[in-house]
């Protein structure tokens, strides 16, 4: 075998090793990016959408219904959402009874009614 053939063979081996190393590095970068994205999504869920540290939607709905003087089976379109707005946290509860829509803002720690508003469903 000639010397130049050895150089070409060595160059091919080095190119294959370099390509293998590039693939390995790319896989590591992709896995790291996926793990970081999962961590960020988990943190956002916990600190933004999670309401497990508070009274819960059922208790917020019960507080609003009790304040209005209705039972759950007496209202329609009962819904509640956990909200974070400008550093404030609260439950937004709404329902319809007859021709009136009720909207409540409920404190997530105490279930106290912070605000209540009614309006006609025809408005």
PDB file of N, CA and C in Angstrom:
ATOM      1  N   UNK A   1       0.842  -1.160   0.000  1.00  0.00           N
ATOM      2  CA  UNK A   1       0.000   0.000   0.000  1.00  0.00           C
ATOM      3  C   UNK A   1       0.896   1.235   0.000  1.00  0.00           C
ATOM      4  N   UNK A   2       0.506   2.208  -0.784  1.00  0.00           N
ATOM      5  CA  UNK A   2       1.286   3.436  -0.877  1.00  0.00           C
ATOM      6  C   UNK A   2       0.969   4.357   0.289  1.00  0.00           C
ATOM      7  N   UNK A   3       1.831   5.276   0.582  1.00  0.00           N
ATOM      8  CA  UNK A   3       1.670   6.217   1.696  1.00  0.00           C
ATOM      9  C   UNK A   3       0.441   7.094   1.502  1.00  0.00           C
ATOM     10  N   UNK A   4       0.198   7.517   0.261  1.00  0.00           N
ATOM     11  CA  UNK A   4      -0.954   8.390   0.031  1.00  0.00           C
ATOM     12  C   UNK A   4      -2.266   7.656   0.264  1.00  0.00           C
ATOM     13  N   UNK A   5      -2.281   6.315   0.070  1.00  0.00           N
ATOM     14  CA  UNK A   5      -3.481   5.529   0.342  1.00  0.00           C
ATOM     15  C   UNK A   5      -3.756   5.492   1.848  1.00  0.00           C
ATOM     16  N   UNK A   6      -2.695   5.384   2.631  1.00  0.00           N
ATOM     17  CA  UNK A   6      -2.864   5.415   4.090  1.00  0.00           C
ATOM     18  C   UNK A   6      -3.434   6.753   4.550  1.00  0.00           C
ATOM     19  N   UNK A   7      -2.964   7.845   3.951  1.00  0.00           N
ATOM     20  CA  UNK A   7      -3.459   9.181   4.304  1.00  0.00           C
ATOM     21  C   UNK A   7      -4.936   9.293   3.968  1.00  0.00           C
ATOM     22  N   UNK A   8      -5.352   8.791   2.791  1.00  0.00           N
ATOM     23  CA  UNK A   8      -6.761   8.841   2.412  1.00  0.00           C
ATOM     24  C   UNK A   8      -7.620   8.001   3.346  1.00  0.00           C
ATOM     25  N   UNK A   9      -7.145   6.830   3.716  1.00  0.00           N
ATOM     26  CA  UNK A   9      -7.875   5.952   4.628  1.00  0.00           C
ATOM     27  C   UNK A   9      -8.006   6.619   5.987  1.00  0.00           C
ATOM     28  N   UNK A  10      -6.914   7.201   6.484  1.00  0.00           N
ATOM     29  CA  UNK A  10      -6.953   7.894   7.776  1.00  0.00           C
ATOM     30  C   UNK A  10      -7.919   9.078   7.733  1.00  0.00           C
ATOM     31  N   UNK A  11      -7.949   9.790   6.602  1.00  0.00           N
ATOM     32  CA  UNK A  11      -8.832  10.933   6.447  1.00  0.00           C
ATOM     33  C   UNK A  11     -10.299  10.493   6.477  1.00  0.00           C
ATOM     34  N   UNK A  12     -10.607   9.350   5.834  1.00  0.00           N
ATOM     35  CA  UNK A  12     -11.977   8.824   5.853  1.00  0.00           C
ATOM     36  C   UNK A  12     -12.387   8.467   7.276  1.00  0.00           C
ATOM     37  N   UNK A  13     -11.531   7.844   8.019  1.00  0.00           N
ATOM     38  CA  UNK A  13     -11.823   7.448   9.396  1.00  0.00           C
ATOM     39  C   UNK A  13     -12.065   8.695  10.240  1.00  0.00           C
ATOM     40  N   UNK A  14     -11.227   9.711  10.066  1.00  0.00           N
ATOM     41  CA  UNK A  14     -11.394  10.954  10.815  1.00  0.00           C
ATOM     42  C   UNK A  14     -12.713  11.641  10.452  1.00  0.00           C
ATOM     43  N   UNK A  15     -13.072  11.641   9.166  1.00  0.00           N
ATOM     44  CA  UNK A  15     -14.337  12.239   8.741  1.00  0.00           C
ATOM     45  C   UNK A  15     -15.533  11.493   9.336  1.00  0.00           C
ATOM     46  N   UNK A  16     -15.443  10.154   9.376  1.00  0.00           N
ATOM     47  CA  UNK A  16     -16.520   9.358   9.954  1.00  0.00           C
ATOM     48  C   UNK A  16     -16.646   9.642  11.453  1.00  0.00           C
ATOM     49  N   UNK A  17     -15.517   9.736  12.149  1.00  0.00           N
ATOM     50  CA  UNK A  17     -15.537  10.031  13.583  1.00  0.00           C
ATOM     51  C   UNK A  17     -16.089  11.440  13.833  1.00  0.00           C
ATOM     52  N   UNK A  18     -15.708  12.388  12.984  1.00  0.00           N
ATOM     53  CA  UNK A  18     -16.189  13.762  13.108  1.00  0.00           C
ATOM     54  C   UNK A  18     -17.702  13.816  12.881  1.00  0.00           C
ATOM     55  N   UNK A  19     -18.200  13.110  11.874  1.00  0.00           N
ATOM     56  CA  UNK A  19     -19.638  13.060  11.598  1.00  0.00           C
ATOM     57  C   UNK A  19     -20.382  12.416  12.763  1.00  0.00           C
ATOM     58  N   UNK A  20     -19.832  11.336  13.313  1.00  0.00           N
ATOM     59  CA  UNK A  20     -20.444  10.656  14.457  1.00  0.00           C
ATOM     60  C   UNK A  20     -20.495  11.599  15.663  1.00  0.00           C
ATOM     61  N   UNK A  21     -19.428  12.341  15.903  1.00  0.00           N
ATOM     62  CA  UNK A  21     -19.379  13.282  17.013  1.00  0.00           C
ATOM     63  C   UNK A  21     -20.395  14.412  16.820  1.00  0.00           C
ATOM     64  N   UNK A  22     -20.547  14.899  15.592  1.00  0.00           N
ATOM     65  CA  UNK A  22     -21.528  15.942  15.307  1.00  0.00           C
ATOM     66  C   UNK A  22     -22.952  15.444  15.552  1.00  0.00           C
ATOM     67  N   UNK A  23     -23.240  14.209  15.141  1.00  0.00           N
ATOM     68  CA  UNK A  23     -24.566  13.634  15.366  1.00  0.00           C
ATOM     69  C   UNK A  23     -24.836  13.492  16.860  1.00  0.00           C
ATOM     70  N   UNK A  24     -23.844  13.011  17.590  1.00  0.00           N
ATOM     71  CA  UNK A  24     -23.981  12.811  19.029  1.00  0.00           C
ATOM     72  C   UNK A  24     -24.232  14.160  19.719  1.00  0.00           C
ATOM     73  N   UNK A  25     -23.493  15.181  19.318  1.00  0.00           N
ATOM     74  CA  UNK A  25     -23.656  16.513  19.896  1.00  0.00           C
ATOM     75  C   UNK A  25     -25.044  17.067  19.585  1.00  0.00           C
ATOM     76  N   UNK A  26     -25.506  16.886  18.373  1.00  0.00           N
ATOM     77  CA  UNK A  26     -26.832  17.360  17.984  1.00  0.00           C
ATOM     78  C   UNK A  26     -27.920  16.668  18.804  1.00  0.00           C
ATOM     79  N   UNK A  27     -27.794  15.377  19.010  1.00  0.00           N
ATOM     80  CA  UNK A  27     -28.779  14.632  19.810  1.00  0.00           C
ATOM     81  C   UNK A  27     -28.783  15.149  21.247  1.00  0.00           C
ATOM     82  N   UNK A  28     -27.618  15.405  21.804  1.00  0.00           N
ATOM     83  CA  UNK A  28     -27.527  15.915  23.171  1.00  0.00           C
ATOM     84  C   UNK A  28     -28.172  17.290  23.267  1.00  0.00           C
ATOM     85  N   UNK A  29     -27.948  18.134  22.279  1.00  0.00           N
ATOM     86  CA  UNK A  29     -28.552  19.470  22.276  1.00  0.00           C
ATOM     87  C   UNK A  29     -30.072  19.381  22.185  1.00  0.00           C
ATOM     88  N   UNK A  30     -30.573  18.500  21.331  1.00  0.00           N
ATOM     89  CA  UNK A  30     -32.028  18.344  21.181  1.00  0.00           C
ATOM     90  C   UNK A  30     -32.651  17.829  22.474  1.00  0.00           C
ATOM     91  N   UNK A  31     -32.030  16.830  23.095  1.00  0.00           N
ATOM     92  CA  UNK A  31     -32.554  16.280  24.353  1.00  0.00           C
ATOM     93  C   UNK A  31     -32.542  17.356  25.439  1.00  0.00           C
ATOM     94  N   UNK A  32     -31.473  18.128  25.519  1.00  0.00           N
ATOM     95  CA  UNK A  32     -31.390  19.195  26.514  1.00  0.00           C
ATOM     96  C   UNK A  32     -32.473  20.245  26.272  1.00  0.00           C
ATOM     97  N   UNK A  33     -32.710  20.605  25.020  1.00  0.00           N
ATOM     98  CA  UNK A  33     -33.744  21.594  24.695  1.00  0.00           C
ATOM     99  C   UNK A  33     -35.131  21.088  25.083  1.00  0.00           C
ATOM    100  N   UNK A  34     -35.402  19.824  24.821  1.00  0.00           N
ATOM    101  CA  UNK A  34     -36.700  19.238  25.181  1.00  0.00           C
ATOM    102  C   UNK A  34     -36.870  19.223  26.701  1.00  0.00           C
ATOM    103  N   UNK A  35     -35.827  18.863  27.427  1.00  0.00           N
ATOM    104  CA  UNK A  35     -35.909  18.847  28.893  1.00  0.00           C
ATOM    105  C   UNK A  35     -36.117  20.252  29.458  1.00  0.00           C
ATOM    106  N   UNK A  36     -35.432  21.219  28.908  1.00  0.00           N
ATOM    107  CA  UNK A  36     -35.599  22.605  29.366  1.00  0.00           C
ATOM    108  C   UNK A  36     -37.012  23.091  29.060  1.00  0.00           C
ATOM    109  N   UNK A  37     -37.523  22.778  27.867  1.00  0.00           N
ATOM    110  CA  UNK A  37     -38.888  23.172  27.508  1.00  0.00           C
ATOM    111  C   UNK A  37     -39.904  22.536  28.454  1.00  0.00           C
ATOM    112  N   UNK A  38     -39.721  21.270  28.783  1.00  0.00           N
ATOM    113  CA  UNK A  38     -40.628  20.589  29.707  1.00  0.00           C
ATOM    114  C   UNK A  38     -40.577  21.230  31.091  1.00  0.00           C
ATOM    115  N   UNK A  39     -39.397  21.588  31.534  1.00  0.00           N
ATOM    116  CA  UNK A  39     -39.244  22.245  32.830  1.00  0.00           C
ATOM    117  C   UNK A  39     -39.946  23.599  32.831  1.00  0.00           C
ATOM    118  N   UNK A  40     -39.759  24.371  31.783  1.00  0.00           N
ATOM    119  CA  UNK A  40     -40.397  25.690  31.687  1.00  0.00           C
ATOM    120  C   UNK A  40     -41.916  25.547  31.668  1.00  0.00           C
ATOM    121  N   UNK A  41     -42.423  24.608  30.890  1.00  0.00           N
ATOM    122  CA  UNK A  41     -43.874  24.396  30.829  1.00  0.00           C
ATOM    123  C   UNK A  41     -44.407  23.982  32.197  1.00  0.00           C
ATOM    124  N   UNK A  42     -43.697  23.113  32.875  1.00  0.00           N
ATOM    125  CA  UNK A  42     -44.109  22.691  34.216  1.00  0.00           C
ATOM    126  C   UNK A  42     -44.133  23.846  35.196  1.00  0.00           C
ATOM    127  N   UNK A  43     -43.125  24.688  35.158  1.00  0.00           N
ATOM    128  CA  UNK A  43     -43.084  25.845  36.051  1.00  0.00           C
ATOM    129  C   UNK A  43     -44.189  26.841  35.741  1.00  0.00           C
ATOM    130  N   UNK A  44     -44.432  27.084  34.468  1.00  0.00           N
ATOM    131  CA  UNK A  44     -45.512  27.996  34.083  1.00  0.00           C
ATOM    132  C   UNK A  44     -46.846  27.437  34.562  1.00  0.00           C
ATOM    133  N   UNK A  45     -47.072  26.158  34.367  1.00  0.00           N
ATOM    134  CA  UNK A  45     -48.329  25.553  34.825  1.00  0.00           C
ATOM    135  C   UNK A  45     -48.459  25.717  36.328  1.00  0.00           C
ATOM    136  N   UNK A  46     -47.409  25.402  37.072  1.00  0.00           N
ATOM    137  CA  UNK A  46     -47.489  25.444  38.530  1.00  0.00           C
ATOM    138  C   UNK A  46     -47.741  26.851  39.044  1.00  0.00           C
ATOM    139  N   UNK A  47     -47.036  27.833  38.499  1.00  0.00           N
ATOM    140  CA  UNK A  47     -47.141  29.184  39.040  1.00  0.00           C
ATOM    141  C   UNK A  47     -48.223  30.039  38.387  1.00  0.00           C
ATOM    142  N   UNK A  48     -48.755  29.634  37.251  1.00  0.00           N
ATOM    143  CA  UNK A  48     -49.760  30.449  36.579  1.00  0.00           C
ATOM    144  C   UNK A  48     -51.134  29.793  36.598  1.00  0.00           C
ATOM    145  N   UNK A  49     -51.234  28.556  36.186  1.00  0.00           N
ATOM    146  CA  UNK A  49     -52.544  27.927  36.025  1.00  0.00           C
ATOM    147  C   UNK A  49     -52.960  27.039  37.189  1.00  0.00           C
ATOM    148  N   UNK A  50     -52.056  26.696  38.041  1.00  0.00           N
ATOM    149  CA  UNK A  50     -52.356  25.790  39.138  1.00  0.00           C
ATOM    150  C   UNK A  50     -53.062  26.540  40.260  1.00  0.00           C
ATOM    151  N   UNK A  51     -54.158  26.006  40.746  1.00  0.00           N
ATOM    152  CA  UNK A  51     -54.864  26.629  41.857  1.00  0.00           C
ATOM    153  C   UNK A  51     -54.966  25.697  43.061  1.00  0.00           C
ATOM    154  N   UNK A  52     -54.089  24.716  43.154  1.00  0.00           N
ATOM    155  CA  UNK A  52     -54.186  23.724  44.231  1.00  0.00           C
ATOM    156  C   UNK A  52     -53.889  24.305  45.608  1.00  0.00           C
ATOM    157  N   UNK A  53     -53.255  25.458  45.683  1.00  0.00           N
ATOM    158  CA  UNK A  53     -52.955  26.069  46.976  1.00  0.00           C
ATOM    159  C   UNK A  53     -54.145  26.882  47.497  1.00  0.00           C
ATOM    160  N   UNK A  54     -55.223  26.945  46.725  1.00  0.00           N
ATOM    161  CA  UNK A  54     -56.361  27.778  47.086  1.00  0.00           C
ATOM    162  C   UNK A  54     -57.603  26.930  47.340  1.00  0.00           C
ATOM    163  N   UNK A  55     -58.735  27.587  47.542  1.00  0.00           N
ATOM    164  CA  UNK A  55     -59.962  26.890  47.944  1.00  0.00           C
ATOM    165  C   UNK A  55     -60.509  25.944  46.889  1.00  0.00           C
ATOM    166  N   UNK A  56     -60.245  26.206  45.629  1.00  0.00           N
ATOM    167  CA  UNK A  56     -60.734  25.359  44.546  1.00  0.00           C
ATOM    168  C   UNK A  56     -61.987  25.929  43.904  1.00  0.00           C
ATOM    169  N   UNK A  57     -62.239  25.470  42.705  1.00  0.00           N
ATOM    170  CA  UNK A  57     -63.380  25.982  41.932  1.00  0.00           C
ATOM    171  C   UNK A  57     -64.724  25.629  42.560  1.00  0.00           C
ATOM    172  N   UNK A  58     -64.822  24.433  43.087  1.00  0.00           N
ATOM    173  CA  UNK A  58     -66.098  24.023  43.692  1.00  0.00           C
ATOM    174  C   UNK A  58     -66.471  24.915  44.868  1.00  0.00           C
ATOM    175  N   UNK A  59     -65.499  25.215  45.721  1.00  0.00           N
ATOM    176  CA  UNK A  59     -65.762  26.089  46.876  1.00  0.00           C
ATOM    177  C   UNK A  59     -66.085  27.507  46.426  1.00  0.00           C
ATOM    178  N   UNK A  60     -65.417  27.984  45.386  1.00  0.00           N
ATOM    179  CA  UNK A  60     -65.714  29.326  44.864  1.00  0.00           C
ATOM    180  C   UNK A  60     -67.138  29.379  44.314  1.00  0.00           C
ATOM    181  N   UNK A  61     -67.531  28.335  43.586  1.00  0.00           N
ATOM    182  CA  UNK A  61     -68.897  28.268  43.065  1.00  0.00           C
ATOM    183  C   UNK A  61     -69.904  28.221  44.206  1.00  0.00           C
ATOM    184  N   UNK A  62     -69.606  27.432  45.232  1.00  0.00           N
ATOM    185  CA  UNK A  62     -70.513  27.322  46.382  1.00  0.00           C
ATOM    186  C   UNK A  62     -70.658  28.672  47.090  1.00  0.00           C
ATOM    187  N   UNK A  63     -69.578  29.417  47.226  1.00  0.00           N
ATOM    188  CA  UNK A  63     -69.633  30.729  47.875  1.00  0.00           C
ATOM    189  C   UNK A  63     -70.503  31.697  47.081  1.00  0.00           C
ATOM    190  N   UNK A  64     -70.354  31.688  45.764  1.00  0.00           N
ATOM    191  CA  UNK A  64     -71.151  32.585  44.923  1.00  0.00           C
ATOM    192  C   UNK A  64     -72.633  32.201  44.977  1.00  0.00           C
ATOM    193  N   UNK A  65     -72.901  30.916  44.885  1.00  0.00           N
ATOM    194  CA  UNK A  65     -74.301  30.462  44.937  1.00  0.00           C
ATOM    195  C   UNK A  65     -74.931  30.784  46.289  1.00  0.00           C
ATOM    196  N   UNK A  66     -74.187  30.596  47.372  1.00  0.00           N
ATOM    197  CA  UNK A  66     -74.707  30.890  48.709  1.00  0.00           C
ATOM    198  C   UNK A  66     -75.009  32.379  48.847  1.00  0.00           C
ATOM    199  N   UNK A  67     -74.139  33.223  48.319  1.00  0.00           N
ATOM    200  CA  UNK A  67     -74.361  34.661  48.398  1.00  0.00           C
ATOM    201  C   UNK A  67     -75.608  35.067  47.614  1.00  0.00           C
ATOM    202  N   UNK A  68     -75.821  34.427  46.478  1.00  0.00           N
ATOM    203  CA  UNK A  68     -76.994  34.743  45.656  1.00  0.00           C
ATOM    204  C   UNK A  68     -78.265  34.082  46.181  1.00  0.00           C
ATOM    205  N   UNK A  69     -78.105  33.072  47.022  1.00  0.00           N
ATOM    206  CA  UNK A  69     -79.272  32.397  47.591  1.00  0.00           C
ATOM    207  C   UNK A  69     -79.851  31.310  46.714  1.00  0.00           C
ATOM    208  N   UNK A  70     -79.010  30.705  45.876  1.00  0.00           N
ATOM    209  CA  UNK A  70     -79.478  29.641  44.981  1.00  0.00           C
ATOM    210  C   UNK A  70     -78.729  28.347  45.242  1.00  0.00           C
ATOM    211  N   UNK A  71     -79.369  27.244  44.890  1.00  0.00           N
ATOM    212  CA  UNK A  71     -78.699  25.946  44.889  1.00  0.00           C
ATOM    213  C   UNK A  71     -78.163  25.705  43.483  1.00  0.00           C
ATOM    214  N   UNK A  72     -77.209  24.805  43.367  1.00  0.00           N
ATOM    215  CA  UNK A  72     -76.592  24.547  42.064  1.00  0.00           C
ATOM    216  C   UNK A  72     -77.609  24.088  41.022  1.00  0.00           C
ATOM    217  N   UNK A  73     -78.602  23.319  41.454  1.00  0.00           N
ATOM    218  CA  UNK A  73     -79.599  22.823  40.492  1.00  0.00           C
ATOM    219  C   UNK A  73     -80.619  23.882  40.082  1.00  0.00           C
ATOM    220  N   UNK A  74     -80.560  25.062  40.662  1.00  0.00           N
ATOM    221  CA  UNK A  74     -81.477  26.143  40.314  1.00  0.00           C
ATOM    222  C   UNK A  74     -80.899  27.123  39.288  1.00  0.00           C
ATOM    223  N   UNK A  75     -79.654  26.918  38.901  1.00  0.00           N
ATOM    224  CA  UNK A  75     -79.004  27.856  37.971  1.00  0.00           C
ATOM    225  C   UNK A  75     -78.559  27.126  36.712  1.00  0.00           C
ATOM    226  N   UNK A  76     -78.290  27.913  35.685  1.00  0.00           N
ATOM    227  CA  UNK A  76     -77.792  27.369  34.432  1.00  0.00           C
ATOM    228  C   UNK A  76     -76.424  28.008  34.143  1.00  0.00           C
ATOM    229  N   UNK A  77     -75.687  27.356  33.280  1.00  0.00           N
ATOM    230  CA  UNK A  77     -74.389  27.841  32.783  1.00  0.00           C
ATOM    231  C   UNK A  77     -73.434  28.254  33.902  1.00  0.00           C
ATOM    232  N   UNK A  78     -73.401  27.466  34.950  1.00  0.00           N
ATOM    233  CA  UNK A  78     -72.467  27.727  36.055  1.00  0.00           C
ATOM    234  C   UNK A  78     -71.053  27.439  35.565  1.00  0.00           C
ATOM    235  N   UNK A  79     -70.172  28.421  35.720  1.00  0.00           N
ATOM    236  CA  UNK A  79     -68.777  28.224  35.337  1.00  0.00           C
ATOM    237  C   UNK A  79     -67.890  29.015  36.282  1.00  0.00           C
ATOM    238  N   UNK A  80     -66.678  28.533  36.456  1.00  0.00           N
ATOM    239  CA  UNK A  80     -65.712  29.241  37.288  1.00  0.00           C
ATOM    240  C   UNK A  80     -64.332  29.096  36.665  1.00  0.00           C
ATOM    241  N   UNK A  81     -63.551  30.147  36.810  1.00  0.00           N
ATOM    242  CA  UNK A  81     -62.192  30.153  36.280  1.00  0.00           C
ATOM    243  C   UNK A  81     -61.263  30.740  37.322  1.00  0.00           C
ATOM    244  N   UNK A  82     -60.101  30.141  37.440  1.00  0.00           N
ATOM    245  CA  UNK A  82     -59.067  30.691  38.301  1.00  0.00           C
ATOM    246  C   UNK A  82     -58.323  31.741  37.495  1.00  0.00           C
ATOM    247  N   UNK A  83     -58.191  32.939  38.026  1.00  0.00           N
ATOM    248  CA  UNK A  83     -57.598  34.047  37.289  1.00  0.00           C
ATOM    249  C   UNK A  83     -56.397  34.617  38.035  1.00  0.00           C
ATOM    250  N   UNK A  84     -55.421  35.054  37.262  1.00  0.00           N
ATOM    251  CA  UNK A  84     -54.298  35.843  37.764  1.00  0.00           C
ATOM    252  C   UNK A  84     -54.234  37.084  36.890  1.00  0.00           C
ATOM    253  N   UNK A  85     -54.371  38.242  37.526  1.00  0.00           N
ATOM    254  CA  UNK A  85     -54.396  39.482  36.763  1.00  0.00           C
ATOM    255  C   UNK A  85     -53.668  40.561  37.553  1.00  0.00           C
ATOM    256  N   UNK A  86     -52.596  41.090  36.992  1.00  0.00           N
ATOM    257  CA  UNK A  86     -51.811  42.151  37.626  1.00  0.00           C
ATOM    258  C   UNK A  86     -51.400  41.795  39.051  1.00  0.00           C
ATOM    259  N   UNK A  87     -50.988  40.579  39.261  1.00  0.00           N
ATOM    260  CA  UNK A  87     -50.533  40.148  40.581  1.00  0.00           C
ATOM    261  C   UNK A  87     -51.641  39.717  41.518  1.00  0.00           C
ATOM    262  N   UNK A  88     -52.888  39.882  41.120  1.00  0.00           N
ATOM    263  CA  UNK A  88     -54.010  39.459  41.946  1.00  0.00           C
ATOM    264  C   UNK A  88     -54.480  38.086  41.499  1.00  0.00           C
ATOM    265  N   UNK A  89     -54.899  37.274  42.458  1.00  0.00           N
ATOM    266  CA  UNK A  89     -55.473  35.966  42.130  1.00  0.00           C
ATOM    267  C   UNK A  89     -56.904  35.941  42.657  1.00  0.00           C
ATOM    268  N   UNK A  90     -57.795  35.339  41.883  1.00  0.00           N
ATOM    269  CA  UNK A  90     -59.189  35.261  42.283  1.00  0.00           C
ATOM    270  C   UNK A  90     -59.905  34.230  41.411  1.00  0.00           C
ATOM    271  N   UNK A  91     -61.092  33.858  41.855  1.00  0.00           N
ATOM    272  CA  UNK A  91     -61.959  33.010  41.046  1.00  0.00           C
ATOM    273  C   UNK A  91     -63.039  33.888  40.436  1.00  0.00           C
ATOM    274  N   UNK A  92     -63.263  33.719  39.166  1.00  0.00           N
ATOM    275  CA  UNK A  92     -64.325  34.409  38.446  1.00  0.00           C
ATOM    276  C   UNK A  92     -65.441  33.382  38.270  1.00  0.00           C
ATOM    277  N   UNK A  93     -66.571  33.600  38.927  1.00  0.00           N
ATOM    278  CA  UNK A  93     -67.693  32.652  38.891  1.00  0.00           C
ATOM    279  C   UNK A  93     -68.884  33.351  38.245  1.00  0.00           C
ATOM    280  N   UNK A  94     -69.530  32.659  37.329  1.00  0.00           N
ATOM    281  CA  UNK A  94     -70.728  33.232  36.712  1.00  0.00           C
ATOM    282  C   UNK A  94     -71.774  32.139  36.506  1.00  0.00           C
ATOM    283  N   UNK A  95     -73.029  32.579  36.506  1.00  0.00           N
ATOM    284  CA  UNK A  95     -74.140  31.665  36.252  1.00  0.00           C
ATOM    285  C   UNK A  95     -75.361  32.485  35.871  1.00  0.00           C
ATOM    286  N   UNK A  96     -76.375  31.802  35.355  1.00  0.00           N
ATOM    287  CA  UNK A  96     -77.629  32.439  34.957  1.00  0.00           C
ATOM    288  C   UNK A  96     -78.749  31.816  35.771  1.00  0.00           C
ATOM    289  N   UNK A  97     -79.625  32.697  36.273  1.00  0.00           N
ATOM    290  CA  UNK A  97     -80.842  32.234  36.952  1.00  0.00           C
ATOM    291  C   UNK A  97     -81.979  33.076  36.413  1.00  0.00           C
ATOM    292  N   UNK A  98     -82.909  32.415  35.758  1.00  0.00           N
ATOM    293  CA  UNK A  98     -84.004  33.132  35.124  1.00  0.00           C
ATOM    294  C   UNK A  98     -83.462  33.983  33.978  1.00  0.00           C
ATOM    295  N   UNK A  99     -83.740  35.283  34.020  1.00  0.00           N
ATOM    296  CA  UNK A  99     -83.273  36.187  32.969  1.00  0.00           C
ATOM    297  C   UNK A  99     -82.105  37.044  33.459  1.00  0.00           C
ATOM    298  N   UNK A 100     -81.462  36.608  34.540  1.00  0.00           N
ATOM    299  CA  UNK A 100     -80.383  37.395  35.129  1.00  0.00           C
ATOM    300  C   UNK A 100     -79.080  36.603  35.128  1.00  0.00           C
ATOM    301  N   UNK A 101     -78.026  37.270  34.683  1.00  0.00           N
ATOM    302  CA  UNK A 101     -76.691  36.673  34.752  1.00  0.00           C
ATOM    303  C   UNK A 101     -75.974  37.248  35.970  1.00  0.00           C
ATOM    304  N   UNK A 102     -75.395  36.366  36.764  1.00  0.00           N
ATOM    305  CA  UNK A 102     -74.658  36.756  37.966  1.00  0.00           C
ATOM    306  C   UNK A 102     -73.170  36.547  37.702  1.00  0.00           C
ATOM    307  N   UNK A 103     -72.382  37.522  38.109  1.00  0.00           N
ATOM    308  CA  UNK A 103     -70.930  37.415  37.988  1.00  0.00           C
ATOM    309  C   UNK A 103     -70.313  37.741  39.335  1.00  0.00           C
ATOM    310  N   UNK A 104     -69.457  36.846  39.804  1.00  0.00           N
ATOM    311  CA  UNK A 104     -68.828  37.008  41.111  1.00  0.00           C
ATOM    312  C   UNK A 104     -67.313  36.950  40.982  1.00  0.00           C
ATOM    313  N   UNK A 105     -66.650  37.703  41.859  1.00  0.00           N
ATOM    314  CA  UNK A 105     -65.209  37.589  42.049  1.00  0.00           C
ATOM    315  C   UNK A 105     -65.038  37.088  43.482  1.00  0.00           C
ATOM    316  N   UNK A 106     -64.399  35.925  43.602  1.00  0.00           N
ATOM    317  CA  UNK A 106     -64.263  35.249  44.891  1.00  0.00           C
ATOM    318  C   UNK A 106     -62.788  35.196  45.304  1.00  0.00           C
ATOM    319  N   UNK A 107     -62.531  35.528  46.562  1.00  0.00           N
ATOM    320  CA  UNK A 107     -61.172  35.452  47.108  1.00  0.00           C
ATOM    321  C   UNK A 107     -60.736  33.985  47.161  1.00  0.00           C
ATOM    322  N   UNK A 108     -59.565  33.649  46.623  1.00  0.00           N
ATOM    323  CA  UNK A 108     -59.135  32.251  46.571  1.00  0.00           C
ATOM    324  C   UNK A 108     -58.652  31.686  47.903  1.00  0.00           C
ATOM    325  N   UNK A 109     -58.426  32.545  48.885  1.00  0.00           N
ATOM    326  CA  UNK A 109     -57.968  32.070  50.189  1.00  0.00           C
ATOM    327  C   UNK A 109     -59.105  31.885  51.182  1.00  0.00           C
ATOM    328  N   UNK A 110     -60.101  32.796  51.138  1.00  0.00           N
ATOM    329  CA  UNK A 110     -61.141  32.810  52.165  1.00  0.00           C
ATOM    330  C   UNK A 110     -62.540  32.487  51.644  1.00  0.00           C
ATOM    331  N   UNK A 111     -62.722  32.461  50.356  1.00  0.00           N
ATOM    332  CA  UNK A 111     -64.026  32.272  49.709  1.00  0.00           C
ATOM    333  C   UNK A 111     -64.949  33.466  49.933  1.00  0.00           C
ATOM    334  N   UNK A 112     -64.377  34.590  50.326  1.00  0.00           N
ATOM    335  CA  UNK A 112     -65.183  35.803  50.500  1.00  0.00           C
ATOM    336  C   UNK A 112     -65.540  36.383  49.135  1.00  0.00           C
ATOM    337  N   UNK A 113     -66.720  36.994  49.064  1.00  0.00           N
ATOM    338  CA  UNK A 113     -67.147  37.652  47.838  1.00  0.00           C
ATOM    339  C   UNK A 113     -66.441  39.002  47.774  1.00  0.00           C
ATOM    340  N   UNK A 114     -65.635  39.199  46.735  1.00  0.00           N
ATOM    341  CA  UNK A 114     -64.926  40.465  46.565  1.00  0.00           C
ATOM    342  C   UNK A 114     -65.718  41.450  45.718  1.00  0.00           C
ATOM    343  N   UNK A 115     -66.491  40.899  44.780  1.00  0.00           N
ATOM    344  CA  UNK A 115     -67.288  41.752  43.889  1.00  0.00           C
ATOM    345  C   UNK A 115     -68.433  40.915  43.329  1.00  0.00           C
ATOM    346  N   UNK A 116     -69.555  41.574  43.127  1.00  0.00           N
ATOM    347  CA  UNK A 116     -70.719  40.891  42.553  1.00  0.00           C
ATOM    348  C   UNK A 116     -71.408  41.846  41.602  1.00  0.00           C
ATOM    349  N   UNK A 117     -71.856  41.310  40.481  1.00  0.00           N
ATOM    350  CA  UNK A 117     -72.530  42.124  39.471  1.00  0.00           C
ATOM    351  C   UNK A 117     -73.609  41.282  38.818  1.00  0.00           C
ATOM    352  N   UNK A 118     -74.737  41.916  38.531  1.00  0.00           N
ATOM    353  CA  UNK A 118     -75.810  41.237  37.812  1.00  0.00           C
ATOM    354  C   UNK A 118     -76.173  42.053  36.576  1.00  0.00           C
ATOM    355  N   UNK A 119     -76.668  41.349  35.590  1.00  0.00           N
ATOM    356  CA  UNK A 119     -77.185  42.021  34.395  1.00  0.00           C
ATOM    357  C   UNK A 119     -78.161  41.096  33.708  1.00  0.00           C
ATOM    358  N   UNK A 120     -79.020  41.685  32.926  1.00  0.00           N
ATOM    359  CA  UNK A 120     -80.018  40.922  32.196  1.00  0.00           C
ATOM    360  C   UNK A 120     -79.342  40.124  31.087  1.00  0.00           C
ATOM    361  N   UNK A 121     -79.831  38.932  30.846  1.00  0.00           N
ATOM    362  CA  UNK A 121     -79.273  38.125  29.762  1.00  0.00           C
ATOM    363  C   UNK A 121     -79.645  38.693  28.404  1.00  0.00           C
ATOM    364  N   UNK A 122     -80.588  39.622  28.386  1.00  0.00           N
ATOM    365  CA  UNK A 122     -81.028  40.223  27.122  1.00  0.00           C
ATOM    366  C   UNK A 122     -80.194  41.423  26.734  1.00  0.00           C
ATOM    367  N   UNK A 123     -79.279  41.867  27.591  1.00  0.00           N
ATOM    368  CA  UNK A 123     -78.404  43.016  27.268  1.00  0.00           C
ATOM    369  C   UNK A 123     -77.284  42.601  26.359  1.00  0.00           C
TER     370      UNK A 123
END
